[in-house]
Amino acid sequence: MSDSEPERPDSTGAGSNPEPGGGRSSDGRTAVATPARPTGKRSRRGAAAEGESDAVDLATGTEAAPTKNGSGKKKKTAKKRGDGPSRNPLVFVWTYLQQVVAELRKVIWPNRKQMVSYTTVVLVFLAFMVAMIFAADYGLSKLVNLVFG
């Protein structure tokens, strides 16, 4: 092993130490196990980890179909006339409004203190920008009057 390569524990992993001297190499360095590299995938908890999906098709309100790489692929059957969403515009609008309300319930709304602070920040920034643009406009108008006026 060269000096530039890090020391790695033996592949048996059972805590065996091939080198004498209590885990130290001949040059005095202590062997350190490198952590496993992450896979980049996050495990899902609960029912989703067992293969069940909680995804819902927003157009129909039913459980979403599995994806290409998902398990439990279903055979495709010919669509019948009554399988699709209703063509009644009132039902479409009602379903849309229900979905809007469902999404708005997921929103984390700010409390009164946060709202006051956010509004104050916006108004102070707005006053600053108005003053800056006013000063630039006033200065440029004086400059133009001085040159052409």
N, C-alpha and C. Protein backbone atom coordinates (compact mmCIF):
# COMPACT_ATOMS: atom_id res chain seq x y z
N MET A 1 0.86 -1.17 0.00
CA MET A 1 0.00 0.00 0.00
C MET A 1 0.90 1.22 0.00
N SER A 2 0.61 2.20 -0.84
CA SER A 2 1.44 3.40 -0.90
C SER A 2 0.99 4.40 0.15
N ASP A 3 1.80 5.43 0.37
CA ASP A 3 1.48 6.45 1.36
C ASP A 3 0.29 7.29 0.96
N SER A 4 0.00 7.43 -0.34
CA SER A 4 -1.10 8.29 -0.78
C SER A 4 -2.45 7.61 -0.68
N GLU A 5 -2.48 6.27 -0.57
CA GLU A 5 -3.76 5.56 -0.49
C GLU A 5 -4.21 5.47 0.95
N PRO A 6 -5.52 5.72 1.22
CA PRO A 6 -5.99 5.58 2.60
C PRO A 6 -6.08 4.11 2.98
N GLU A 7 -5.89 3.84 4.25
CA GLU A 7 -5.99 2.46 4.72
C GLU A 7 -7.45 2.08 4.85
N ARG A 8 -7.77 0.87 4.47
CA ARG A 8 -9.13 0.37 4.56
C ARG A 8 -9.12 -0.90 5.40
N PRO A 9 -10.18 -1.11 6.15
CA PRO A 9 -10.23 -2.36 6.94
C PRO A 9 -10.37 -3.55 6.03
N ASP A 10 -10.01 -4.68 6.55
CA ASP A 10 -10.07 -5.91 5.76
C ASP A 10 -11.52 -6.24 5.43
N SER A 11 -11.74 -6.91 4.30
CA SER A 11 -13.08 -7.13 3.78
C SER A 11 -13.90 -8.10 4.61
N THR A 12 -13.27 -8.82 5.54
CA THR A 12 -14.06 -9.74 6.36
C THR A 12 -14.95 -8.98 7.30
N GLY A 13 -14.54 -7.80 7.76
CA GLY A 13 -15.38 -6.91 8.53
C GLY A 13 -15.64 -7.34 9.95
N ALA A 14 -15.25 -8.51 10.38
CA ALA A 14 -15.58 -9.00 11.72
C ALA A 14 -14.66 -8.41 12.77
N GLY A 15 -14.13 -7.26 12.53
CA GLY A 15 -13.27 -6.62 13.50
C GLY A 15 -11.88 -7.20 13.50
N SER A 16 -11.53 -8.02 12.52
CA SER A 16 -10.20 -8.61 12.49
C SER A 16 -9.19 -7.55 12.12
N ASN A 17 -8.06 -7.65 12.69
CA ASN A 17 -7.01 -6.68 12.45
C ASN A 17 -5.81 -7.42 11.90
N PRO A 18 -5.50 -7.27 10.62
CA PRO A 18 -4.42 -8.04 10.03
C PRO A 18 -3.05 -7.53 10.47
N GLU A 19 -2.97 -6.30 10.98
CA GLU A 19 -1.67 -5.76 11.31
C GLU A 19 -1.43 -5.86 12.82
N PRO A 20 -0.23 -6.20 13.21
CA PRO A 20 0.08 -6.23 14.65
C PRO A 20 0.18 -4.81 15.18
N GLY A 21 0.03 -4.66 16.47
CA GLY A 21 0.22 -3.34 17.06
C GLY A 21 -1.08 -2.62 17.31
N GLY A 22 -2.21 -3.32 17.38
CA GLY A 22 -3.46 -2.69 17.77
C GLY A 22 -4.06 -1.78 16.73
N GLY A 23 -4.02 -2.15 15.45
CA GLY A 23 -4.68 -1.36 14.43
C GLY A 23 -3.82 -0.25 13.86
N ARG A 24 -2.55 -0.26 14.17
CA ARG A 24 -1.67 0.77 13.62
C ARG A 24 -0.79 0.14 12.55
N SER A 25 -0.56 0.92 11.49
CA SER A 25 0.31 0.45 10.42
C SER A 25 1.76 0.71 10.83
N SER A 26 2.68 0.29 9.99
CA SER A 26 4.10 0.42 10.33
C SER A 26 4.54 1.88 10.44
N ASP A 27 3.81 2.79 9.77
CA ASP A 27 4.19 4.21 9.86
C ASP A 27 3.43 4.94 10.96
N GLY A 28 2.62 4.24 11.78
CA GLY A 28 1.99 4.84 12.94
C GLY A 28 0.58 5.36 12.70
N ARG A 29 0.05 5.24 11.49
CA ARG A 29 -1.30 5.72 11.24
C ARG A 29 -2.32 4.70 11.71
N THR A 30 -3.47 5.19 12.19
CA THR A 30 -4.54 4.31 12.64
C THR A 30 -5.49 4.03 11.48
N ALA A 31 -5.88 2.79 11.31
CA ALA A 31 -6.80 2.43 10.24
C ALA A 31 -8.19 2.93 10.59
N VAL A 32 -8.85 3.59 9.63
CA VAL A 32 -10.18 4.14 9.84
C VAL A 32 -11.11 3.57 8.78
N ALA A 33 -12.25 3.07 9.21
CA ALA A 33 -13.22 2.53 8.25
C ALA A 33 -13.93 3.68 7.56
N THR A 34 -14.04 3.62 6.24
CA THR A 34 -14.76 4.66 5.50
C THR A 34 -16.24 4.32 5.50
N PRO A 35 -17.11 5.32 5.67
CA PRO A 35 -18.55 5.03 5.69
C PRO A 35 -19.04 4.61 4.32
N ALA A 36 -20.11 3.85 4.32
CA ALA A 36 -20.72 3.41 3.06
C ALA A 36 -21.26 4.62 2.32
N ARG A 37 -21.17 4.59 1.00
CA ARG A 37 -21.66 5.70 0.20
C ARG A 37 -23.18 5.63 0.09
N PRO A 38 -23.86 6.78 0.17
CA PRO A 38 -25.32 6.76 0.06
C PRO A 38 -25.77 6.39 -1.34
N THR A 39 -26.93 5.76 -1.44
CA THR A 39 -27.44 5.34 -2.74
C THR A 39 -28.18 6.45 -3.46
N GLY A 40 -28.58 7.51 -2.72
CA GLY A 40 -29.32 8.60 -3.35
C GLY A 40 -30.81 8.37 -3.31
N LYS A 41 -31.25 7.20 -2.89
CA LYS A 41 -32.68 6.92 -2.82
C LYS A 41 -33.14 7.05 -1.38
N ARG A 42 -34.32 7.58 -1.20
CA ARG A 42 -34.88 7.70 0.14
C ARG A 42 -35.92 6.63 0.33
N SER A 43 -35.87 5.96 1.44
CA SER A 43 -36.87 4.94 1.71
C SER A 43 -38.14 5.62 2.19
N ARG A 44 -39.28 5.09 1.78
CA ARG A 44 -40.56 5.64 2.20
C ARG A 44 -41.09 4.80 3.34
N ARG A 45 -41.72 5.44 4.29
CA ARG A 45 -42.22 4.74 5.47
C ARG A 45 -43.68 4.36 5.30
N GLY A 46 -44.14 3.50 6.16
CA GLY A 46 -45.56 3.17 6.23
C GLY A 46 -46.02 2.28 5.11
N ALA A 47 -47.22 2.54 4.64
CA ALA A 47 -47.85 1.68 3.63
C ALA A 47 -47.11 1.75 2.31
N ALA A 48 -46.52 2.88 2.00
CA ALA A 48 -45.82 3.01 0.73
C ALA A 48 -44.61 2.09 0.69
N ALA A 49 -43.99 1.82 1.84
CA ALA A 49 -42.83 0.94 1.88
C ALA A 49 -43.24 -0.51 1.62
N GLU A 50 -44.48 -0.83 1.88
CA GLU A 50 -44.96 -2.19 1.67
C GLU A 50 -45.45 -2.41 0.24
N GLY A 51 -45.30 -1.42 -0.62
CA GLY A 51 -45.70 -1.59 -2.00
C GLY A 51 -47.02 -0.92 -2.32
N GLU A 52 -47.70 -0.37 -1.31
CA GLU A 52 -48.97 0.30 -1.57
C GLU A 52 -48.68 1.76 -1.89
N SER A 53 -49.52 2.34 -2.73
CA SER A 53 -49.32 3.74 -3.12
C SER A 53 -50.45 4.58 -2.58
N ASP A 54 -50.11 5.80 -2.12
CA ASP A 54 -51.15 6.71 -1.67
C ASP A 54 -51.38 7.82 -2.69
N ALA A 55 -50.86 7.64 -3.91
CA ALA A 55 -51.04 8.64 -4.95
C ALA A 55 -52.48 8.60 -5.46
N VAL A 56 -53.03 9.79 -5.73
CA VAL A 56 -54.41 9.88 -6.20
C VAL A 56 -54.41 10.63 -7.52
N ASP A 57 -55.15 10.10 -8.50
CA ASP A 57 -55.31 10.77 -9.78
C ASP A 57 -56.25 11.94 -9.58
N LEU A 58 -55.77 13.18 -9.79
CA LEU A 58 -56.59 14.36 -9.52
C LEU A 58 -57.76 14.50 -10.49
N ALA A 59 -57.64 13.95 -11.68
CA ALA A 59 -58.72 14.09 -12.65
C ALA A 59 -59.94 13.27 -12.26
N THR A 60 -59.71 12.09 -11.69
CA THR A 60 -60.84 11.21 -11.39
C THR A 60 -61.07 11.03 -9.90
N GLY A 61 -60.08 11.34 -9.07
CA GLY A 61 -60.21 11.16 -7.64
C GLY A 61 -59.99 9.73 -7.19
N THR A 62 -59.49 8.88 -8.08
CA THR A 62 -59.24 7.48 -7.73
C THR A 62 -57.76 7.27 -7.54
N GLU A 63 -57.38 6.07 -7.08
CA GLU A 63 -55.97 5.76 -6.88
C GLU A 63 -55.25 5.80 -8.22
N ALA A 64 -54.07 6.41 -8.23
CA ALA A 64 -53.31 6.57 -9.47
C ALA A 64 -52.81 5.22 -9.95
N ALA A 65 -52.68 5.09 -11.26
CA ALA A 65 -52.18 3.88 -11.87
C ALA A 65 -50.67 3.78 -11.61
N PRO A 66 -50.12 2.57 -11.54
CA PRO A 66 -48.68 2.43 -11.32
C PRO A 66 -47.89 2.98 -12.50
N THR A 67 -46.66 3.40 -12.21
CA THR A 67 -45.80 3.94 -13.26
C THR A 67 -45.14 2.83 -14.04
N LYS A 68 -44.36 3.21 -15.06
CA LYS A 68 -43.69 2.23 -15.90
C LYS A 68 -42.82 1.29 -15.08
N ASN A 69 -42.05 1.86 -14.15
CA ASN A 69 -41.15 1.03 -13.37
C ASN A 69 -41.78 0.54 -12.08
N GLY A 70 -43.07 0.81 -11.88
CA GLY A 70 -43.75 0.37 -10.67
C GLY A 70 -44.12 -1.10 -10.74
N SER A 71 -44.42 -1.66 -9.59
CA SER A 71 -44.79 -3.07 -9.58
C SER A 71 -46.30 -3.19 -9.72
N GLY A 72 -46.75 -4.37 -10.03
CA GLY A 72 -48.19 -4.64 -10.13
C GLY A 72 -48.82 -4.01 -11.36
N LYS A 73 -48.18 -4.19 -12.51
CA LYS A 73 -48.73 -3.60 -13.73
C LYS A 73 -50.04 -4.30 -14.07
N LYS A 74 -51.00 -3.50 -14.48
CA LYS A 74 -52.29 -4.05 -14.86
C LYS A 74 -52.36 -4.14 -16.38
N LYS A 75 -53.13 -5.09 -16.85
CA LYS A 75 -53.32 -5.20 -18.29
C LYS A 75 -54.24 -4.08 -18.75
N LYS A 76 -53.92 -3.54 -19.91
CA LYS A 76 -54.75 -2.46 -20.45
C LYS A 76 -55.99 -3.06 -21.10
N THR A 77 -57.11 -2.45 -20.84
CA THR A 77 -58.35 -2.88 -21.46
C THR A 77 -58.90 -1.72 -22.28
N ALA A 78 -59.76 -2.03 -23.21
CA ALA A 78 -60.35 -1.00 -24.05
C ALA A 78 -61.24 -0.10 -23.19
N LYS A 79 -61.19 1.20 -23.45
CA LYS A 79 -62.00 2.14 -22.68
C LYS A 79 -63.45 2.03 -23.09
N LYS A 80 -64.28 2.04 -22.09
CA LYS A 80 -65.72 2.08 -22.35
C LYS A 80 -66.16 3.52 -22.28
N ARG A 81 -67.30 3.80 -22.77
CA ARG A 81 -67.80 5.16 -22.84
C ARG A 81 -67.94 5.80 -21.46
N GLY A 82 -68.29 5.03 -20.46
CA GLY A 82 -68.52 5.57 -19.13
C GLY A 82 -67.27 5.59 -18.25
N ASP A 83 -66.11 5.11 -18.73
CA ASP A 83 -64.91 5.03 -17.91
C ASP A 83 -64.27 6.39 -17.65
N GLY A 84 -64.32 7.30 -18.59
CA GLY A 84 -63.62 8.57 -18.47
C GLY A 84 -64.34 9.54 -17.56
N PRO A 85 -63.74 10.73 -17.37
CA PRO A 85 -64.40 11.74 -16.54
C PRO A 85 -65.68 12.23 -17.21
N SER A 86 -66.57 12.74 -16.40
CA SER A 86 -67.85 13.22 -16.91
C SER A 86 -67.65 14.42 -17.83
N ARG A 87 -68.45 14.54 -18.85
CA ARG A 87 -68.36 15.67 -19.77
C ARG A 87 -69.28 16.81 -19.34
N ASN A 88 -69.97 16.62 -18.24
CA ASN A 88 -70.85 17.66 -17.73
C ASN A 88 -69.99 18.79 -17.18
N PRO A 89 -70.12 20.02 -17.69
CA PRO A 89 -69.26 21.13 -17.24
C PRO A 89 -69.47 21.48 -15.77
N LEU A 90 -70.67 21.31 -15.25
CA LEU A 90 -70.91 21.61 -13.84
C LEU A 90 -70.16 20.63 -12.93
N VAL A 91 -70.14 19.35 -13.32
CA VAL A 91 -69.41 18.35 -12.55
C VAL A 91 -67.91 18.65 -12.63
N PHE A 92 -67.44 19.07 -13.80
CA PHE A 92 -66.03 19.41 -13.97
C PHE A 92 -65.64 20.57 -13.06
N VAL A 93 -66.47 21.62 -13.03
CA VAL A 93 -66.18 22.79 -12.19
C VAL A 93 -66.23 22.40 -10.72
N TRP A 94 -67.22 21.60 -10.32
CA TRP A 94 -67.35 21.17 -8.93
C TRP A 94 -66.12 20.35 -8.51
N THR A 95 -65.69 19.43 -9.37
CA THR A 95 -64.51 18.62 -9.06
C THR A 95 -63.27 19.49 -8.96
N TYR A 96 -63.15 20.45 -9.86
CA TYR A 96 -62.01 21.38 -9.84
C TYR A 96 -61.98 22.16 -8.53
N LEU A 97 -63.13 22.67 -8.11
CA LEU A 97 -63.18 23.45 -6.87
C LEU A 97 -62.86 22.57 -5.65
N GLN A 98 -63.31 21.33 -5.66
CA GLN A 98 -62.97 20.42 -4.57
C GLN A 98 -61.46 20.19 -4.50
N GLN A 99 -60.84 20.05 -5.65
CA GLN A 99 -59.39 19.84 -5.68
C GLN A 99 -58.64 21.09 -5.23
N VAL A 100 -59.16 22.28 -5.58
CA VAL A 100 -58.55 23.53 -5.14
C VAL A 100 -58.60 23.62 -3.62
N VAL A 101 -59.75 23.32 -3.04
CA VAL A 101 -59.90 23.37 -1.58
C VAL A 101 -58.97 22.35 -0.93
N ALA A 102 -58.86 21.16 -1.50
CA ALA A 102 -57.98 20.12 -0.95
C ALA A 102 -56.53 20.59 -0.97
N GLU A 103 -56.10 21.27 -2.04
CA GLU A 103 -54.73 21.78 -2.11
C GLU A 103 -54.51 22.92 -1.13
N LEU A 104 -55.51 23.78 -0.97
CA LEU A 104 -55.37 24.91 -0.04
C LEU A 104 -55.28 24.44 1.40
N ARG A 105 -55.86 23.29 1.71
CA ARG A 105 -55.75 22.75 3.06
C ARG A 105 -54.34 22.29 3.36
N LYS A 106 -53.54 21.97 2.32
CA LYS A 106 -52.17 21.52 2.50
C LYS A 106 -51.21 22.70 2.73
N VAL A 107 -51.64 23.91 2.43
CA VAL A 107 -50.79 25.09 2.54
C VAL A 107 -50.54 25.41 4.00
N ILE A 108 -49.31 25.77 4.33
CA ILE A 108 -48.98 26.21 5.68
C ILE A 108 -49.12 27.72 5.69
N TRP A 109 -50.18 28.21 6.30
CA TRP A 109 -50.47 29.64 6.31
C TRP A 109 -49.69 30.34 7.41
N PRO A 110 -49.22 31.57 7.14
CA PRO A 110 -48.50 32.31 8.19
C PRO A 110 -49.47 32.79 9.27
N ASN A 111 -48.95 32.90 10.50
CA ASN A 111 -49.79 33.43 11.57
C ASN A 111 -49.78 34.96 11.51
N ARG A 112 -50.50 35.60 12.41
CA ARG A 112 -50.65 37.06 12.37
C ARG A 112 -49.31 37.78 12.52
N LYS A 113 -48.46 37.30 13.44
CA LYS A 113 -47.17 37.95 13.67
C LYS A 113 -46.28 37.86 12.42
N GLN A 114 -46.25 36.70 11.78
CA GLN A 114 -45.47 36.55 10.55
C GLN A 114 -46.02 37.44 9.46
N MET A 115 -47.33 37.52 9.35
CA MET A 115 -47.95 38.32 8.30
C MET A 115 -47.61 39.80 8.48
N VAL A 116 -47.67 40.29 9.72
CA VAL A 116 -47.33 41.69 9.99
C VAL A 116 -45.87 41.94 9.64
N SER A 117 -44.98 41.02 10.01
CA SER A 117 -43.56 41.24 9.72
C SER A 117 -43.29 41.18 8.21
N TYR A 118 -43.91 40.25 7.50
CA TYR A 118 -43.72 40.17 6.04
C TYR A 118 -44.25 41.42 5.36
N THR A 119 -45.42 41.89 5.79
CA THR A 119 -46.02 43.09 5.20
C THR A 119 -45.14 44.30 5.46
N THR A 120 -44.59 44.41 6.67
CA THR A 120 -43.71 45.53 7.00
C THR A 120 -42.46 45.52 6.12
N VAL A 121 -41.88 44.34 5.92
CA VAL A 121 -40.69 44.24 5.07
C VAL A 121 -41.01 44.68 3.65
N VAL A 122 -42.14 44.25 3.13
CA VAL A 122 -42.53 44.61 1.77
C VAL A 122 -42.75 46.11 1.65
N LEU A 123 -43.45 46.71 2.62
CA LEU A 123 -43.73 48.15 2.55
C LEU A 123 -42.45 48.98 2.68
N VAL A 124 -41.52 48.57 3.55
CA VAL A 124 -40.24 49.29 3.68
C VAL A 124 -39.45 49.18 2.38
N PHE A 125 -39.39 48.00 1.80
CA PHE A 125 -38.69 47.84 0.53
C PHE A 125 -39.34 48.67 -0.56
N LEU A 126 -40.67 48.69 -0.60
CA LEU A 126 -41.39 49.49 -1.59
C LEU A 126 -41.08 50.97 -1.43
N ALA A 127 -41.08 51.47 -0.18
CA ALA A 127 -40.76 52.88 0.07
C ALA A 127 -39.33 53.19 -0.37
N PHE A 128 -38.39 52.29 -0.10
CA PHE A 128 -37.01 52.49 -0.53
C PHE A 128 -36.91 52.56 -2.05
N MET A 129 -37.56 51.63 -2.75
CA MET A 129 -37.49 51.63 -4.22
C MET A 129 -38.14 52.88 -4.81
N VAL A 130 -39.27 53.32 -4.24
CA VAL A 130 -39.93 54.54 -4.73
C VAL A 130 -39.00 55.73 -4.54
N ALA A 131 -38.36 55.84 -3.37
CA ALA A 131 -37.44 56.95 -3.11
C ALA A 131 -36.25 56.90 -4.06
N MET A 132 -35.71 55.72 -4.31
CA MET A 132 -34.56 55.60 -5.21
C MET A 132 -34.93 55.98 -6.64
N ILE A 133 -36.07 55.52 -7.11
CA ILE A 133 -36.49 55.86 -8.48
C ILE A 133 -36.83 57.34 -8.58
N PHE A 134 -37.46 57.90 -7.53
CA PHE A 134 -37.75 59.33 -7.52
C PHE A 134 -36.46 60.14 -7.60
N ALA A 135 -35.44 59.76 -6.81
CA ALA A 135 -34.17 60.49 -6.81
C ALA A 135 -33.49 60.39 -8.17
N ALA A 136 -33.50 59.20 -8.78
CA ALA A 136 -32.88 59.04 -10.09
C ALA A 136 -33.64 59.86 -11.13
N ASP A 137 -34.95 59.85 -11.09
CA ASP A 137 -35.76 60.62 -12.05
C ASP A 137 -35.54 62.12 -11.87
N TYR A 138 -35.53 62.57 -10.62
CA TYR A 138 -35.34 63.99 -10.34
C TYR A 138 -33.94 64.44 -10.78
N GLY A 139 -32.94 63.64 -10.48
CA GLY A 139 -31.57 63.98 -10.88
C GLY A 139 -31.41 64.01 -12.39
N LEU A 140 -31.97 63.03 -13.08
CA LEU A 140 -31.86 63.02 -14.54
C LEU A 140 -32.64 64.17 -15.17
N SER A 141 -33.78 64.53 -14.60
CA SER A 141 -34.54 65.66 -15.16
C SER A 141 -33.77 66.96 -14.97
N LYS A 142 -33.12 67.15 -13.82
CA LYS A 142 -32.29 68.35 -13.61
C LYS A 142 -31.10 68.37 -14.57
N LEU A 143 -30.50 67.20 -14.81
CA LEU A 143 -29.37 67.10 -15.73
C LEU A 143 -29.81 67.45 -17.16
N VAL A 144 -30.95 66.94 -17.57
CA VAL A 144 -31.46 67.23 -18.92
C VAL A 144 -31.79 68.73 -19.05
N ASN A 145 -32.42 69.32 -18.01
CA ASN A 145 -32.71 70.76 -18.05
C ASN A 145 -31.43 71.58 -18.09
N LEU A 146 -30.38 71.14 -17.41
CA LEU A 146 -29.12 71.84 -17.40
C LEU A 146 -28.45 71.79 -18.78
N VAL A 147 -28.50 70.62 -19.42
CA VAL A 147 -27.82 70.44 -20.72
C VAL A 147 -28.66 71.09 -21.84
N PHE A 148 -29.93 70.82 -21.90
CA PHE A 148 -30.77 71.28 -23.03
C PHE A 148 -31.59 72.50 -22.70
N GLY A 149 -31.64 72.94 -21.50
CA GLY A 149 -32.59 73.86 -21.11
C GLY A 149 -32.52 75.25 -21.00
